[in-house]
Amino acid sequence: MAYLNWSDDMNTGIAVIDGQHRRIVDMINELYVAQQKSSREGVAQVIEELVDYTTSHFAFEEAMLEEAGYVFTKAHKRVHDIFIKRVDDYRTRFKQGEDVCDELRSLLGRWLFGHIRNDDQNYVAAVTENLRRLAADKTEDGWLSRAKRRFFRAA
């Protein structure tokens, strides 16, 4: 049974972003499974993957916002930076032996869903319009292709 379930109101309509958000939800569910199995090693692995993937997602998203000329890019980045700091604090506490799983899962779920439904929805129009323009550039050197390779080598 999943800890978090994706709902359609989470979709931004930007396929690459929605896919990344869904992957983060999957990782939060993997954290729940590892915790249920009492696998400290599994929890550690998921936490590391979550931090790495989320950091890459944020960098990718911020690059899209900058490219689109979104006026609140700096503020959006600050929200991301504060979140990464909070999650990193949980990672540190976990490494020191503290059981942070319940707190971390709660934070991740509440924050992610709230962030997507509010902060991320605010940039959708600007990014969508810019992506329409960029989509015309189908070359391998186009911005979207370069950015996906840069941030998600296997994507």
Protein backbone atom coordinates (compact mmCIF):
# COMPACT_ATOMS: atom_id res chain seq x y z
CA MET A 1 0.00 0.00 0.00
CA ALA A 2 1.34 3.42 -0.96
CA TYR A 3 1.92 6.12 1.62
CA LEU A 4 1.17 8.87 -0.93
CA ASN A 5 -1.01 8.69 -4.00
CA TRP A 6 -0.70 10.96 -7.01
CA SER A 7 -3.83 12.89 -7.92
CA ASP A 8 -4.62 14.72 -11.13
CA ASP A 9 -4.66 18.11 -9.42
CA MET A 10 -0.91 17.68 -9.01
CA ASN A 11 -0.31 17.79 -12.76
CA THR A 12 1.21 20.98 -14.08
CA GLY A 13 0.68 19.98 -17.70
CA ILE A 14 4.45 20.10 -18.22
CA ALA A 15 5.25 16.44 -18.90
CA VAL A 16 8.91 16.52 -17.88
CA ILE A 17 8.11 18.26 -14.57
CA ASP A 18 5.11 16.02 -13.85
CA GLY A 19 7.28 12.95 -14.46
CA GLN A 20 9.90 14.23 -12.05
CA HIS A 21 7.28 15.04 -9.42
CA ARG A 22 5.80 11.54 -9.78
CA ARG A 23 9.29 10.06 -9.30
CA ILE A 24 9.69 12.03 -6.05
CA VAL A 25 6.30 10.69 -4.85
CA ASP A 26 7.51 7.18 -5.73
CA MET A 27 10.65 7.74 -3.66
CA ILE A 28 8.62 8.93 -0.67
CA ASN A 29 6.63 5.69 -0.99
CA GLU A 30 9.91 3.74 -1.18
CA LEU A 31 10.98 5.43 2.06
CA TYR A 32 7.75 4.23 3.66
CA VAL A 33 8.33 0.66 2.45
CA ALA A 34 11.93 0.66 3.71
CA GLN A 35 10.74 1.94 7.08
CA GLN A 36 8.01 -0.73 7.27
CA LYS A 37 10.67 -3.38 6.60
CA SER A 38 12.78 -1.90 9.42
CA SER A 39 15.64 -1.62 6.96
CA ARG A 40 17.93 1.14 8.18
CA GLU A 41 20.19 0.53 5.16
CA GLY A 42 17.18 0.78 2.83
CA VAL A 43 16.03 3.99 4.50
CA ALA A 44 19.52 5.47 4.17
CA GLN A 45 19.64 4.60 0.49
CA VAL A 46 16.23 6.15 -0.20
CA ILE A 47 17.08 9.31 1.75
CA GLU A 48 20.27 9.76 -0.28
CA GLU A 49 18.43 9.15 -3.55
CA LEU A 50 15.66 11.55 -2.54
CA VAL A 51 18.10 14.32 -1.69
CA ASP A 52 20.10 13.81 -4.89
CA TYR A 53 17.08 13.54 -7.18
CA THR A 54 15.22 16.43 -5.58
CA THR A 55 18.30 18.66 -5.83
CA SER A 56 18.60 17.77 -9.53
CA HIS A 57 14.89 18.34 -10.08
CA PHE A 58 15.06 21.75 -8.43
CA ALA A 59 18.06 22.75 -10.54
CA PHE A 60 16.27 21.61 -13.70
CA GLU A 61 13.06 23.41 -12.74
CA GLU A 62 14.96 26.60 -11.88
CA ALA A 63 16.75 26.48 -15.25
CA MET A 64 13.35 26.22 -16.94
CA LEU A 65 12.08 29.21 -14.95
CA GLU A 66 15.11 31.29 -15.85
CA GLU A 67 14.83 30.33 -19.51
CA ALA A 68 11.15 31.31 -19.47
CA GLY A 69 11.91 34.66 -17.83
CA TYR A 70 9.61 33.84 -14.90
CA VAL A 71 9.58 36.93 -12.70
CA PHE A 72 9.57 35.01 -9.40
CA THR A 73 12.47 32.67 -10.22
CA LYS A 74 14.66 33.94 -7.37
CA ALA A 75 11.87 33.59 -4.81
CA HIS A 76 11.07 30.09 -6.10
CA LYS A 77 14.74 29.15 -5.80
CA ARG A 78 14.82 30.43 -2.20
CA VAL A 79 11.88 28.16 -1.34
CA HIS A 80 13.79 25.24 -2.88
CA ASP A 81 16.98 26.14 -0.98
CA ILE A 82 15.15 26.28 2.36
CA PHE A 83 13.53 22.92 1.68
CA ILE A 84 16.83 21.26 0.73
CA LYS A 85 18.37 22.60 3.95
CA ARG A 86 15.52 21.11 5.99
CA VAL A 87 15.81 17.72 4.30
CA ASP A 88 19.58 17.79 4.70
CA ASP A 89 19.08 18.40 8.44
CA TYR A 90 16.93 15.26 8.58
CA ARG A 91 19.60 13.33 6.69
CA THR A 92 22.22 14.46 9.23
CA ARG A 93 20.01 13.48 12.15
CA PHE A 94 19.40 10.08 10.54
CA LYS A 95 23.14 9.52 10.07
CA GLN A 96 23.61 10.32 13.77
CA GLY A 97 21.27 7.44 14.62
CA GLU A 98 18.00 9.27 15.10
CA ASP A 99 14.77 7.75 13.73
CA VAL A 100 13.47 10.59 11.57
CA CYS A 101 11.39 8.57 9.09
CA ASP A 102 7.92 9.57 10.29
CA GLU A 103 8.83 13.25 10.51
CA LEU A 104 10.63 13.20 7.17
CA ARG A 105 7.81 11.42 5.32
CA SER A 106 5.28 13.84 6.78
CA LEU A 107 7.37 16.85 5.78
CA LEU A 108 8.02 15.50 2.29
CA GLY A 109 4.39 14.72 1.57
CA ARG A 110 2.93 17.94 2.93
CA TRP A 111 5.62 20.15 1.43
CA LEU A 112 5.72 18.51 -1.98
CA PHE A 113 1.97 18.45 -2.52
CA GLY A 114 1.58 22.03 -1.25
CA HIS A 115 4.50 23.26 -3.32
CA ILE A 116 3.24 21.65 -6.52
CA ARG A 117 -0.35 22.81 -6.04
CA ASN A 118 0.64 26.38 -5.20
CA ASP A 119 4.17 27.56 -6.01
CA ASP A 120 4.66 25.39 -9.09
CA GLN A 121 1.22 26.16 -10.52
CA ASN A 122 2.20 29.84 -10.50
CA TYR A 123 4.91 29.33 -13.13
CA VAL A 124 2.99 27.01 -15.45
CA ALA A 125 1.78 29.69 -17.89
CA ALA A 126 5.24 31.25 -18.34
CA VAL A 127 7.03 27.93 -18.72
CA THR A 128 4.38 26.43 -21.00
CA GLU A 129 4.58 29.38 -23.37
CA ASN A 130 8.37 29.21 -23.43
CA LEU A 131 8.29 25.45 -23.98
CA ARG A 132 6.01 25.93 -26.99
CA ARG A 133 8.65 28.17 -28.48
CA LEU A 134 11.48 25.82 -27.57
CA ALA A 135 9.60 22.75 -28.81
CA ALA A 136 9.93 24.08 -32.33
CA ASP A 137 13.67 23.47 -31.93
CA LYS A 138 13.85 19.69 -32.38
CA THR A 139 17.62 19.59 -32.75
CA GLU A 140 19.72 17.60 -30.34
CA ASP A 141 21.24 20.91 -29.33
CA GLY A 142 17.87 22.39 -28.34
CA TRP A 143 17.51 23.73 -24.80
CA LEU A 144 15.19 21.01 -23.51
CA SER A 145 17.38 18.19 -24.85
CA ARG A 146 20.52 19.78 -23.41
CA ALA A 147 18.89 20.44 -20.04
CA LYS A 148 17.52 16.91 -19.71
CA ARG A 149 20.96 15.47 -20.49
CA ARG A 150 22.62 17.88 -18.05
CA PHE A 151 20.37 17.18 -15.09
CA PHE A 152 19.12 13.65 -15.78
CA ARG A 153 21.75 11.79 -17.72
CA ALA A 154 19.61 8.67 -18.08
CA ALA A 155 16.39 10.58 -18.87
